[in-house]
């Protein structure tokens, strides 16, 4: 049991770091905490619709966490400005935008009653 507790301390430490140092993580969590219940009750969503939107939020959060990890690592490895490092950070940020766009498309689809 100690083994698993020790192993789980790493991801929890990572989440704590993300919540204390990354405003995007905090904002997206707040939006989900307020937005998901609001959309659920206002539009009278089914369980599957709520589940889809929750999965979309998790998808965005995974992309955001990976983006943050890439930015922290690349900044540590290469602190001076580099076009290639900047491009890598831009690509990681693009993944977050792509995931967010997917979430918005799913939200519009669910709210429009097409599901």
PDB file of N, CA and C in Angstrom:
ATOM      1  N   UNK A   1       0.832  -1.202   0.000  1.00  0.00           N
ATOM      2  CA  UNK A   1       0.000   0.000   0.000  1.00  0.00           C
ATOM      3  C   UNK A   1       0.872   1.260   0.000  1.00  0.00           C
ATOM      4  N   UNK A   2       1.974   1.219   0.737  1.00  0.00           N
ATOM      5  CA  UNK A   2       2.875   2.380   0.763  1.00  0.00           C
ATOM      6  C   UNK A   2       3.408   2.684  -0.633  1.00  0.00           C
ATOM      7  N   UNK A   3       3.647   1.624  -1.376  1.00  0.00           N
ATOM      8  CA  UNK A   3       4.142   1.784  -2.745  1.00  0.00           C
ATOM      9  C   UNK A   3       3.175   2.619  -3.572  1.00  0.00           C
ATOM     10  N   UNK A   4       1.884   2.290  -3.517  1.00  0.00           N
ATOM     11  CA  UNK A   4       0.894   3.003  -4.317  1.00  0.00           C
ATOM     12  C   UNK A   4       0.675   4.425  -3.820  1.00  0.00           C
ATOM     13  N   UNK A   5       0.727   4.611  -2.526  1.00  0.00           N
ATOM     14  CA  UNK A   5       0.583   5.966  -1.987  1.00  0.00           C
ATOM     15  C   UNK A   5       1.743   6.830  -2.460  1.00  0.00           C
ATOM     16  N   UNK A   6       2.941   6.273  -2.423  1.00  0.00           N
ATOM     17  CA  UNK A   6       4.111   7.004  -2.896  1.00  0.00           C
ATOM     18  C   UNK A   6       4.001   7.286  -4.393  1.00  0.00           C
ATOM     19  N   UNK A   7       3.524   6.313  -5.167  1.00  0.00           N
ATOM     20  CA  UNK A   7       3.378   6.493  -6.614  1.00  0.00           C
ATOM     21  C   UNK A   7       2.328   7.562  -6.945  1.00  0.00           C
ATOM     22  N   UNK A   8       1.246   7.589  -6.170  1.00  0.00           N
ATOM     23  CA  UNK A   8       0.192   8.581  -6.422  1.00  0.00           C
ATOM     24  C   UNK A   8       0.589   9.977  -5.969  1.00  0.00           C
ATOM     25  N   UNK A   9       1.609  10.092  -5.146  1.00  0.00           N
ATOM     26  CA  UNK A   9       2.025  11.417  -4.695  1.00  0.00           C
ATOM     27  C   UNK A   9       2.562  12.250  -5.859  1.00  0.00           C
ATOM     28  N   UNK A  10       3.151  11.619  -6.867  1.00  0.00           N
ATOM     29  CA  UNK A  10       3.698  12.356  -8.009  1.00  0.00           C
ATOM     30  C   UNK A  10       2.610  13.059  -8.825  1.00  0.00           C
ATOM     31  N   UNK A  11       1.558  12.358  -9.264  1.00  0.00           N
ATOM     32  CA  UNK A  11       0.521  13.080 -10.015  1.00  0.00           C
ATOM     33  C   UNK A  11      -0.202  14.121  -9.172  1.00  0.00           C
ATOM     34  N   UNK A  12      -0.391  13.853  -7.886  1.00  0.00           N
ATOM     35  CA  UNK A  12      -1.049  14.857  -7.040  1.00  0.00           C
ATOM     36  C   UNK A  12      -0.171  16.087  -6.873  1.00  0.00           C
ATOM     37  N   UNK A  13       1.139  15.875  -6.790  1.00  0.00           N
ATOM     38  CA  UNK A  13       2.062  17.006  -6.716  1.00  0.00           C
ATOM     39  C   UNK A  13       1.995  17.808  -8.022  1.00  0.00           C
ATOM     40  N   UNK A  14       1.894  17.089  -9.146  1.00  0.00           N
ATOM     41  CA  UNK A  14       1.766  17.763 -10.428  1.00  0.00           C
ATOM     42  C   UNK A  14       0.485  18.574 -10.536  1.00  0.00           C
ATOM     43  N   UNK A  15      -0.611  18.004 -10.061  1.00  0.00           N
ATOM     44  CA  UNK A  15      -1.884  18.750 -10.079  1.00  0.00           C
ATOM     45  C   UNK A  15      -1.829  19.968  -9.170  1.00  0.00           C
ATOM     46  N   UNK A  16      -1.218  19.811  -8.007  1.00  0.00           N
ATOM     47  CA  UNK A  16      -1.085  20.948  -7.097  1.00  0.00           C
ATOM     48  C   UNK A  16      -0.258  22.054  -7.741  1.00  0.00           C
ATOM     49  N   UNK A  17       0.843  21.660  -8.406  1.00  0.00           N
ATOM     50  CA  UNK A  17       1.670  22.642  -9.105  1.00  0.00           C
ATOM     51  C   UNK A  17       0.850  23.343 -10.193  1.00  0.00           C
ATOM     52  N   UNK A  18       0.103  22.565 -10.965  1.00  0.00           N
ATOM     53  CA  UNK A  18      -0.696  23.140 -12.052  1.00  0.00           C
ATOM     54  C   UNK A  18      -1.710  24.147 -11.518  1.00  0.00           C
ATOM     55  N   UNK A  19      -2.386  23.793 -10.432  1.00  0.00           N
ATOM     56  CA  UNK A  19      -3.406  24.699  -9.884  1.00  0.00           C
ATOM     57  C   UNK A  19      -2.799  25.946  -9.250  1.00  0.00           C
ATOM     58  N   UNK A  20      -1.589  25.845  -8.731  1.00  0.00           N
ATOM     59  CA  UNK A  20      -0.984  27.017  -8.088  1.00  0.00           C
ATOM     60  C   UNK A  20      -0.205  27.894  -9.057  1.00  0.00           C
ATOM     61  N   UNK A  21       0.258  27.344 -10.185  1.00  0.00           N
ATOM     62  CA  UNK A  21       1.108  28.109 -11.098  1.00  0.00           C
ATOM     63  C   UNK A  21       0.517  28.370 -12.472  1.00  0.00           C
ATOM     64  N   UNK A  22      -0.597  27.774 -12.802  1.00  0.00           N
ATOM     65  CA  UNK A  22      -1.151  27.918 -14.147  1.00  0.00           C
ATOM     66  C   UNK A  22      -2.574  28.457 -14.072  1.00  0.00           C
ATOM     67  N   UNK A  23      -2.726  29.703 -14.463  1.00  0.00           N
ATOM     68  CA  UNK A  23      -4.046  30.329 -14.375  1.00  0.00           C
ATOM     69  C   UNK A  23      -5.049  29.686 -15.338  1.00  0.00           C
ATOM     70  N   UNK A  24      -4.589  29.169 -16.471  1.00  0.00           N
ATOM     71  CA  UNK A  24      -5.507  28.536 -17.419  1.00  0.00           C
ATOM     72  C   UNK A  24      -6.167  27.306 -16.798  1.00  0.00           C
ATOM     73  N   UNK A  25      -5.420  26.549 -16.027  1.00  0.00           N
ATOM     74  CA  UNK A  25      -5.979  25.365 -15.351  1.00  0.00           C
ATOM     75  C   UNK A  25      -7.066  25.804 -14.372  1.00  0.00           C
ATOM     76  N   UNK A  26      -6.774  26.842 -13.606  1.00  0.00           N
ATOM     77  CA  UNK A  26      -7.766  27.334 -12.629  1.00  0.00           C
ATOM     78  C   UNK A  26      -9.011  27.864 -13.329  1.00  0.00           C
ATOM     79  N   UNK A  27      -8.831  28.607 -14.401  1.00  0.00           N
ATOM     80  CA  UNK A  27      -9.973  29.182 -15.123  1.00  0.00           C
ATOM     81  C   UNK A  27     -10.830  28.073 -15.742  1.00  0.00           C
ATOM     82  N   UNK A  28     -10.189  27.094 -16.379  1.00  0.00           N
ATOM     83  CA  UNK A  28     -10.941  26.010 -17.014  1.00  0.00           C
ATOM     84  C   UNK A  28     -11.666  25.147 -15.985  1.00  0.00           C
ATOM     85  N   UNK A  29     -11.057  24.976 -14.824  1.00  0.00           N
ATOM     86  CA  UNK A  29     -11.724  24.231 -13.748  1.00  0.00           C
ATOM     87  C   UNK A  29     -12.917  25.006 -13.224  1.00  0.00           C
ATOM     88  N   UNK A  30     -12.766  26.303 -13.035  1.00  0.00           N
ATOM     89  CA  UNK A  30     -13.878  27.136 -12.574  1.00  0.00           C
ATOM     90  C   UNK A  30     -15.010  27.153 -13.598  1.00  0.00           C
ATOM     91  N   UNK A  31     -14.647  27.285 -14.869  1.00  0.00           N
ATOM     92  CA  UNK A  31     -15.676  27.265 -15.922  1.00  0.00           C
ATOM     93  C   UNK A  31     -16.446  25.947 -15.922  1.00  0.00           C
ATOM     94  N   UNK A  32     -15.736  24.843 -15.729  1.00  0.00           N
ATOM     95  CA  UNK A  32     -16.408  23.540 -15.696  1.00  0.00           C
ATOM     96  C   UNK A  32     -17.272  23.400 -14.449  1.00  0.00           C
ATOM     97  N   UNK A  33     -16.765  23.862 -13.315  1.00  0.00           N
ATOM     98  CA  UNK A  33     -17.506  23.734 -12.058  1.00  0.00           C
ATOM     99  C   UNK A  33     -18.805  24.545 -12.101  1.00  0.00           C
ATOM    100  N   UNK A  34     -18.773  25.667 -12.793  1.00  0.00           N
ATOM    101  CA  UNK A  34     -19.972  26.504 -12.904  1.00  0.00           C
ATOM    102  C   UNK A  34     -20.758  26.140 -14.168  1.00  0.00           C
ATOM    103  N   UNK A  35     -20.045  25.957 -15.270  1.00  0.00           N
ATOM    104  CA  UNK A  35     -20.702  25.776 -16.561  1.00  0.00           C
ATOM    105  C   UNK A  35     -21.410  24.452 -16.743  1.00  0.00           C
ATOM    106  N   UNK A  36     -20.778  23.354 -16.335  1.00  0.00           N
ATOM    107  CA  UNK A  36     -21.418  22.048 -16.539  1.00  0.00           C
ATOM    108  C   UNK A  36     -22.738  21.918 -15.793  1.00  0.00           C
ATOM    109  N   UNK A  37     -22.795  22.238 -14.492  1.00  0.00           N
ATOM    110  CA  UNK A  37     -24.099  22.157 -13.821  1.00  0.00           C
ATOM    111  C   UNK A  37     -25.132  23.131 -14.400  1.00  0.00           C
ATOM    112  N   UNK A  38     -24.676  24.321 -14.788  1.00  0.00           N
ATOM    113  CA  UNK A  38     -25.598  25.314 -15.351  1.00  0.00           C
ATOM    114  C   UNK A  38     -26.201  24.801 -16.657  1.00  0.00           C
ATOM    115  N   UNK A  39     -25.344  24.332 -17.558  1.00  0.00           N
ATOM    116  CA  UNK A  39     -25.837  23.813 -18.834  1.00  0.00           C
ATOM    117  C   UNK A  39     -26.738  22.599 -18.607  1.00  0.00           C
ATOM    118  N   UNK A  40     -26.358  21.760 -17.655  1.00  0.00           N
ATOM    119  CA  UNK A  40     -27.144  20.561 -17.361  1.00  0.00           C
ATOM    120  C   UNK A  40     -28.570  20.917 -16.954  1.00  0.00           C
ATOM    121  N   UNK A  41     -28.709  21.879 -16.042  1.00  0.00           N
ATOM    122  CA  UNK A  41     -30.044  22.225 -15.546  1.00  0.00           C
ATOM    123  C   UNK A  41     -30.812  23.135 -16.494  1.00  0.00           C
ATOM    124  N   UNK A  42     -30.134  24.086 -17.126  1.00  0.00           N
ATOM    125  CA  UNK A  42     -30.830  25.019 -18.015  1.00  0.00           C
ATOM    126  C   UNK A  42     -31.362  24.307 -19.254  1.00  0.00           C
ATOM    127  N   UNK A  43     -30.571  23.411 -19.822  1.00  0.00           N
ATOM    128  CA  UNK A  43     -30.971  22.736 -21.054  1.00  0.00           C
ATOM    129  C   UNK A  43     -31.520  21.334 -20.815  1.00  0.00           C
ATOM    130  N   UNK A  44     -31.676  20.953 -19.546  1.00  0.00           N
ATOM    131  CA  UNK A  44     -32.247  19.660 -19.183  1.00  0.00           C
ATOM    132  C   UNK A  44     -31.567  18.517 -19.955  1.00  0.00           C
ATOM    133  N   UNK A  45     -30.248  18.440 -19.809  1.00  0.00           N
ATOM    134  CA  UNK A  45     -29.464  17.455 -20.549  1.00  0.00           C
ATOM    135  C   UNK A  45     -29.691  16.048 -20.025  1.00  0.00           C
ATOM    136  N   UNK A  46     -29.515  15.098 -20.904  1.00  0.00           N
ATOM    137  CA  UNK A  46     -29.549  13.693 -20.490  1.00  0.00           C
ATOM    138  C   UNK A  46     -28.200  13.346 -19.854  1.00  0.00           C
ATOM    139  N   UNK A  47     -28.143  12.186 -19.260  1.00  0.00           N
ATOM    140  CA  UNK A  47     -26.895  11.736 -18.637  1.00  0.00           C
ATOM    141  C   UNK A  47     -25.799  11.578 -19.684  1.00  0.00           C
ATOM    142  N   UNK A  48     -26.136  11.051 -20.832  1.00  0.00           N
ATOM    143  CA  UNK A  48     -25.119  10.866 -21.878  1.00  0.00           C
ATOM    144  C   UNK A  48     -24.612  12.207 -22.412  1.00  0.00           C
ATOM    145  N   UNK A  49     -25.474  13.182 -22.512  1.00  0.00           N
ATOM    146  CA  UNK A  49     -25.037  14.509 -22.951  1.00  0.00           C
ATOM    147  C   UNK A  49     -24.101  15.143 -21.928  1.00  0.00           C
ATOM    148  N   UNK A  50     -24.457  15.014 -20.660  1.00  0.00           N
ATOM    149  CA  UNK A  50     -23.585  15.538 -19.606  1.00  0.00           C
ATOM    150  C   UNK A  50     -22.250  14.798 -19.600  1.00  0.00           C
ATOM    151  N   UNK A  51     -22.293  13.508 -19.819  1.00  0.00           N
ATOM    152  CA  UNK A  51     -21.070  12.711 -19.858  1.00  0.00           C
ATOM    153  C   UNK A  51     -20.176  13.154 -21.015  1.00  0.00           C
ATOM    154  N   UNK A  52     -20.758  13.399 -22.182  1.00  0.00           N
ATOM    155  CA  UNK A  52     -19.987  13.872 -23.325  1.00  0.00           C
ATOM    156  C   UNK A  52     -19.297  15.196 -23.006  1.00  0.00           C
ATOM    157  N   UNK A  53     -20.028  16.129 -22.419  1.00  0.00           N
ATOM    158  CA  UNK A  53     -19.436  17.423 -22.092  1.00  0.00           C
ATOM    159  C   UNK A  53     -18.371  17.299 -21.008  1.00  0.00           C
ATOM    160  N   UNK A  54     -18.562  16.388 -20.079  1.00  0.00           N
ATOM    161  CA  UNK A  54     -17.547  16.151 -19.048  1.00  0.00           C
ATOM    162  C   UNK A  54     -16.295  15.558 -19.675  1.00  0.00           C
ATOM    163  N   UNK A  55     -16.455  14.624 -20.587  1.00  0.00           N
ATOM    164  CA  UNK A  55     -15.301  14.068 -21.296  1.00  0.00           C
ATOM    165  C   UNK A  55     -14.568  15.156 -22.080  1.00  0.00           C
ATOM    166  N   UNK A  56     -15.312  16.052 -22.696  1.00  0.00           N
ATOM    167  CA  UNK A  56     -14.687  17.154 -23.428  1.00  0.00           C
ATOM    168  C   UNK A  56     -13.842  18.008 -22.490  1.00  0.00           C
ATOM    169  N   UNK A  57     -14.371  18.288 -21.302  1.00  0.00           N
ATOM    170  CA  UNK A  57     -13.616  19.077 -20.329  1.00  0.00           C
ATOM    171  C   UNK A  57     -12.332  18.350 -19.928  1.00  0.00           C
ATOM    172  N   UNK A  58     -12.433  17.042 -19.668  1.00  0.00           N
ATOM    173  CA  UNK A  58     -11.230  16.282 -19.320  1.00  0.00           C
ATOM    174  C   UNK A  58     -10.219  16.310 -20.470  1.00  0.00           C
ATOM    175  N   UNK A  59     -10.680  16.232 -21.684  1.00  0.00           N
ATOM    176  CA  UNK A  59      -9.812  16.287 -22.859  1.00  0.00           C
ATOM    177  C   UNK A  59      -9.060  17.619 -22.903  1.00  0.00           C
ATOM    178  N   UNK A  60      -9.776  18.706 -22.664  1.00  0.00           N
ATOM    179  CA  UNK A  60      -9.147  20.029 -22.634  1.00  0.00           C
ATOM    180  C   UNK A  60      -8.134  20.107 -21.492  1.00  0.00           C
ATOM    181  N   UNK A  61      -8.487  19.564 -20.331  1.00  0.00           N
ATOM    182  CA  UNK A  61      -7.575  19.613 -19.186  1.00  0.00           C
ATOM    183  C   UNK A  61      -6.312  18.793 -19.438  1.00  0.00           C
ATOM    184  N   UNK A  62      -6.443  17.641 -20.063  1.00  0.00           N
ATOM    185  CA  UNK A  62      -5.264  16.831 -20.392  1.00  0.00           C
ATOM    186  C   UNK A  62      -4.354  17.606 -21.345  1.00  0.00           C
ATOM    187  N   UNK A  63      -4.945  18.217 -22.359  1.00  0.00           N
ATOM    188  CA  UNK A  63      -4.149  19.010 -23.298  1.00  0.00           C
ATOM    189  C   UNK A  63      -3.475  20.175 -22.582  1.00  0.00           C
ATOM    190  N   UNK A  64      -4.185  20.828 -21.688  1.00  0.00           N
ATOM    191  CA  UNK A  64      -3.623  21.959 -20.941  1.00  0.00           C
ATOM    192  C   UNK A  64      -2.486  21.518 -20.024  1.00  0.00           C
ATOM    193  N   UNK A  65      -2.652  20.392 -19.352  1.00  0.00           N
ATOM    194  CA  UNK A  65      -1.590  19.874 -18.487  1.00  0.00           C
ATOM    195  C   UNK A  65      -0.359  19.503 -19.307  1.00  0.00           C
ATOM    196  N   UNK A  66      -0.560  18.880 -20.453  1.00  0.00           N
ATOM    197  CA  UNK A  66       0.578  18.539 -21.307  1.00  0.00           C
ATOM    198  C   UNK A  66       1.253  19.803 -21.836  1.00  0.00           C
ATOM    199  N   UNK A  67       0.488  20.797 -22.200  1.00  0.00           N
ATOM    200  CA  UNK A  67       1.033  22.059 -22.657  1.00  0.00           C
ATOM    201  C   UNK A  67       1.892  22.682 -21.560  1.00  0.00           C
ATOM    202  N   UNK A  68       1.390  22.699 -20.339  1.00  0.00           N
ATOM    203  CA  UNK A  68       2.140  23.270 -19.226  1.00  0.00           C
ATOM    204  C   UNK A  68       3.426  22.495 -18.976  1.00  0.00           C
ATOM    205  N   UNK A  69       3.348  21.166 -19.039  1.00  0.00           N
ATOM    206  CA  UNK A  69       4.536  20.342 -18.826  1.00  0.00           C
ATOM    207  C   UNK A  69       5.593  20.616 -19.893  1.00  0.00           C
ATOM    208  N   UNK A  70       5.172  20.723 -21.128  1.00  0.00           N
ATOM    209  CA  UNK A  70       6.108  21.007 -22.222  1.00  0.00           C
ATOM    210  C   UNK A  70       6.743  22.379 -22.032  1.00  0.00           C
ATOM    211  N   UNK A  71       5.941  23.375 -21.687  1.00  0.00           N
ATOM    212  CA  UNK A  71       6.473  24.721 -21.497  1.00  0.00           C
ATOM    213  C   UNK A  71       7.470  24.779 -20.350  1.00  0.00           C
ATOM    214  N   UNK A  72       7.154  24.140 -19.229  1.00  0.00           N
ATOM    215  CA  UNK A  72       8.070  24.139 -18.083  1.00  0.00           C
ATOM    216  C   UNK A  72       9.386  23.458 -18.453  1.00  0.00           C
ATOM    217  N   UNK A  73       9.298  22.303 -19.089  1.00  0.00           N
ATOM    218  CA  UNK A  73      10.506  21.552 -19.442  1.00  0.00           C
ATOM    219  C   UNK A  73      11.361  22.312 -20.451  1.00  0.00           C
ATOM    220  N   UNK A  74      10.738  22.843 -21.487  1.00  0.00           N
ATOM    221  CA  UNK A  74      11.508  23.538 -22.512  1.00  0.00           C
ATOM    222  C   UNK A  74      12.126  24.825 -21.987  1.00  0.00           C
ATOM    223  N   UNK A  75      11.434  25.513 -21.108  1.00  0.00           N
ATOM    224  CA  UNK A  75      11.985  26.728 -20.519  1.00  0.00           C
ATOM    225  C   UNK A  75      13.190  26.403 -19.648  1.00  0.00           C
ATOM    226  N   UNK A  76      13.135  25.292 -18.944  1.00  0.00           N
ATOM    227  CA  UNK A  76      14.254  24.868 -18.102  1.00  0.00           C
ATOM    228  C   UNK A  76      15.445  24.450 -18.955  1.00  0.00           C
ATOM    229  N   UNK A  77      15.196  23.674 -19.993  1.00  0.00           N
ATOM    230  CA  UNK A  77      16.275  23.166 -20.838  1.00  0.00           C
ATOM    231  C   UNK A  77      16.888  24.270 -21.697  1.00  0.00           C
ATOM    232  N   UNK A  78      16.042  25.176 -22.172  1.00  0.00           N
ATOM    233  CA  UNK A  78      16.505  26.200 -23.111  1.00  0.00           C
ATOM    234  C   UNK A  78      15.912  27.555 -22.714  1.00  0.00           C
ATOM    235  N   UNK A  79      16.458  28.210 -21.652  1.00  0.00           N
ATOM    236  CA  UNK A  79      15.844  29.447 -21.157  1.00  0.00           C
ATOM    237  C   UNK A  79      15.944  30.638 -22.117  1.00  0.00           C
ATOM    238  N   UNK A  80      16.978  30.677 -22.961  1.00  0.00           N
ATOM    239  CA  UNK A  80      17.078  31.797 -23.895  1.00  0.00           C
ATOM    240  C   UNK A  80      16.126  31.594 -25.066  1.00  0.00           C
ATOM    241  N   UNK A  81      15.806  32.681 -25.727  1.00  0.00           N
ATOM    242  CA  UNK A  81      14.837  32.630 -26.825  1.00  0.00           C
ATOM    243  C   UNK A  81      15.385  31.806 -27.987  1.00  0.00           C
ATOM    244  N   UNK A  82      14.552  30.916 -28.485  1.00  0.00           N
ATOM    245  CA  UNK A  82      14.909  30.087 -29.631  1.00  0.00           C
ATOM    246  C   UNK A  82      13.663  29.910 -30.483  1.00  0.00           C
ATOM    247  N   UNK A  83      13.832  30.057 -31.769  1.00  0.00           N
ATOM    248  CA  UNK A  83      12.684  29.924 -32.668  1.00  0.00           C
ATOM    249  C   UNK A  83      12.090  28.514 -32.622  1.00  0.00           C
ATOM    250  N   UNK A  84      12.944  27.503 -32.542  1.00  0.00           N
ATOM    251  CA  UNK A  84      12.467  26.118 -32.513  1.00  0.00           C
ATOM    252  C   UNK A  84      11.728  25.806 -31.213  1.00  0.00           C
ATOM    253  N   UNK A  85      12.264  26.287 -30.097  1.00  0.00           N
ATOM    254  CA  UNK A  85      11.595  26.086 -28.803  1.00  0.00           C
ATOM    255  C   UNK A  85      10.254  26.810 -28.801  1.00  0.00           C
ATOM    256  N   UNK A  86      10.243  28.023 -29.332  1.00  0.00           N
ATOM    257  CA  UNK A  86       8.994  28.777 -29.436  1.00  0.00           C
ATOM    258  C   UNK A  86       7.969  28.048 -30.282  1.00  0.00           C
ATOM    259  N   UNK A  87       8.430  27.431 -31.360  1.00  0.00           N
ATOM    260  CA  UNK A  87       7.523  26.677 -32.223  1.00  0.00           C
ATOM    261  C   UNK A  87       6.946  25.472 -31.482  1.00  0.00           C
ATOM    262  N   UNK A  88       7.778  24.796 -30.690  1.00  0.00           N
ATOM    263  CA  UNK A  88       7.295  23.656 -29.899  1.00  0.00           C
ATOM    264  C   UNK A  88       6.231  24.101 -28.900  1.00  0.00           C
ATOM    265  N   UNK A  89       6.466  25.224 -28.256  1.00  0.00           N
ATOM    266  CA  UNK A  89       5.482  25.744 -27.299  1.00  0.00           C
ATOM    267  C   UNK A  89       4.196  26.146 -28.017  1.00  0.00           C
ATOM    268  N   UNK A  90       4.342  26.728 -29.199  1.00  0.00           N
ATOM    269  CA  UNK A  90       3.160  27.104 -29.989  1.00  0.00           C
ATOM    270  C   UNK A  90       2.348  25.868 -30.386  1.00  0.00           C
ATOM    271  N   UNK A  91       3.030  24.803 -30.746  1.00  0.00           N
ATOM    272  CA  UNK A  91       2.325  23.567 -31.117  1.00  0.00           C
ATOM    273  C   UNK A  91       1.579  22.983 -29.922  1.00  0.00           C
ATOM    274  N   UNK A  92       2.196  23.030 -28.742  1.00  0.00           N
ATOM    275  CA  UNK A  92       1.522  22.533 -27.537  1.00  0.00           C
ATOM    276  C   UNK A  92       0.298  23.395 -27.227  1.00  0.00           C
ATOM    277  N   UNK A  93       0.437  24.704 -27.394  1.00  0.00           N
ATOM    278  CA  UNK A  93      -0.702  25.595 -27.165  1.00  0.00           C
ATOM    279  C   UNK A  93      -1.796  25.358 -28.209  1.00  0.00           C
ATOM    280  N   UNK A  94      -1.398  25.037 -29.442  1.00  0.00           N
ATOM    281  CA  UNK A  94      -2.374  24.751 -30.492  1.00  0.00           C
ATOM    282  C   UNK A  94      -3.189  23.506 -30.142  1.00  0.00           C
ATOM    283  N   UNK A  95      -2.567  22.545 -29.489  1.00  0.00           N
ATOM    284  CA  UNK A  95      -3.302  21.345 -29.070  1.00  0.00           C
ATOM    285  C   UNK A  95      -4.404  21.708 -28.076  1.00  0.00           C
ATOM    286  N   UNK A  96      -4.122  22.663 -27.206  1.00  0.00           N
ATOM    287  CA  UNK A  96      -5.136  23.114 -26.243  1.00  0.00           C
ATOM    288  C   UNK A  96      -6.287  23.800 -26.984  1.00  0.00           C
ATOM    289  N   UNK A  97      -5.950  24.636 -27.937  1.00  0.00           N
ATOM    290  CA  UNK A  97      -6.993  25.325 -28.711  1.00  0.00           C
ATOM    291  C   UNK A  97      -7.822  24.308 -29.487  1.00  0.00           C
ATOM    292  N   UNK A  98      -7.176  23.325 -30.065  1.00  0.00           N
ATOM    293  CA  UNK A  98      -7.880  22.289 -30.824  1.00  0.00           C
ATOM    294  C   UNK A  98      -8.841  21.518 -29.928  1.00  0.00           C
ATOM    295  N   UNK A  99      -8.371  21.134 -28.738  1.00  0.00           N
ATOM    296  CA  UNK A  99      -9.222  20.414 -27.779  1.00  0.00           C
ATOM    297  C   UNK A  99     -10.383  21.306 -27.339  1.00  0.00           C
ATOM    298  N   UNK A 100     -10.107  22.584 -27.126  1.00  0.00           N
ATOM    299  CA  UNK A 100     -11.161  23.517 -26.718  1.00  0.00           C
ATOM    300  C   UNK A 100     -12.196  23.694 -27.822  1.00  0.00           C
ATOM    301  N   UNK A 101     -11.739  23.769 -29.051  1.00  0.00           N
ATOM    302  CA  UNK A 101     -12.660  23.876 -30.185  1.00  0.00           C
ATOM    303  C   UNK A 101     -13.560  22.646 -30.261  1.00  0.00           C
ATOM    304  N   UNK A 102     -12.980  21.473 -30.052  1.00  0.00           N
ATOM    305  CA  UNK A 102     -13.768  20.241 -30.009  1.00  0.00           C
ATOM    306  C   UNK A 102     -14.832  20.330 -28.911  1.00  0.00           C
ATOM    307  N   UNK A 103     -14.450  20.839 -27.746  1.00  0.00           N
ATOM    308  CA  UNK A 103     -15.400  20.997 -26.642  1.00  0.00           C
ATOM    309  C   UNK A 103     -16.530  21.950 -26.989  1.00  0.00           C
ATOM    310  N   UNK A 104     -16.195  23.041 -27.633  1.00  0.00           N
ATOM    311  CA  UNK A 104     -17.219  24.021 -28.019  1.00  0.00           C
ATOM    312  C   UNK A 104     -18.157  23.423 -29.062  1.00  0.00           C
ATOM    313  N   UNK A 105     -17.614  22.701 -30.025  1.00  0.00           N
ATOM    314  CA  UNK A 105     -18.454  22.051 -31.041  1.00  0.00           C
ATOM    315  C   UNK A 105     -19.406  21.057 -30.376  1.00  0.00           C
ATOM    316  N   UNK A 106     -18.894  20.271 -29.444  1.00  0.00           N
ATOM    317  CA  UNK A 106     -19.758  19.311 -28.729  1.00  0.00           C
ATOM    318  C   UNK A 106     -20.832  20.039 -27.922  1.00  0.00           C
ATOM    319  N   UNK A 107     -20.455  21.131 -27.275  1.00  0.00           N
ATOM    320  CA  UNK A 107     -21.426  21.911 -26.502  1.00  0.00           C
ATOM    321  C   UNK A 107     -22.534  22.438 -27.399  1.00  0.00           C
ATOM    322  N   UNK A 108     -22.173  23.023 -28.536  1.00  0.00           N
ATOM    323  CA  UNK A 108     -23.175  23.539 -29.469  1.00  0.00           C
ATOM    324  C   UNK A 108     -24.065  22.410 -29.973  1.00  0.00           C
ATOM    325  N   UNK A 109     -23.464  21.294 -30.288  1.00  0.00           N
ATOM    326  CA  UNK A 109     -24.217  20.142 -30.781  1.00  0.00           C
ATOM    327  C   UNK A 109     -25.216  19.644 -29.733  1.00  0.00           C
ATOM    328  N   UNK A 110     -24.766  19.528 -28.486  1.00  0.00           N
ATOM    329  CA  UNK A 110     -25.646  19.031 -27.419  1.00  0.00           C
ATOM    330  C   UNK A 110     -26.752  20.034 -27.121  1.00  0.00           C
ATOM    331  N   UNK A 111     -26.388  21.295 -27.007  1.00  0.00           N
ATOM    332  CA  UNK A 111     -27.372  22.335 -26.664  1.00  0.00           C
ATOM    333  C   UNK A 111     -28.388  22.531 -27.778  1.00  0.00           C
ATOM    334  N   UNK A 112     -27.981  22.308 -29.023  1.00  0.00           N
ATOM    335  CA  UNK A 112     -28.921  22.482 -30.128  1.00  0.00           C
ATOM    336  C   UNK A 112     -29.927  21.345 -30.222  1.00  0.00           C
ATOM    337  N   UNK A 113     -29.728  20.294 -29.411  1.00  0.00           N
ATOM    338  CA  UNK A 113     -30.678  19.202 -29.380  1.00  0.00           C
ATOM    339  C   UNK A 113     -30.477  18.154 -30.453  1.00  0.00           C
ATOM    340  N   UNK A 114     -29.305  18.117 -31.053  1.00  0.00           N
ATOM    341  CA  UNK A 114     -29.036  17.171 -32.125  1.00  0.00           C
ATOM    342  C   UNK A 114     -28.654  15.795 -31.624  1.00  0.00           C
ATOM    343  N   UNK A 115     -28.299  15.672 -30.360  1.00  0.00           N
ATOM    344  CA  UNK A 115     -27.854  14.374 -29.832  1.00  0.00           C
ATOM    345  C   UNK A 115     -29.007  13.516 -29.413  1.00  0.00           C
TER     346      UNK A 115
END
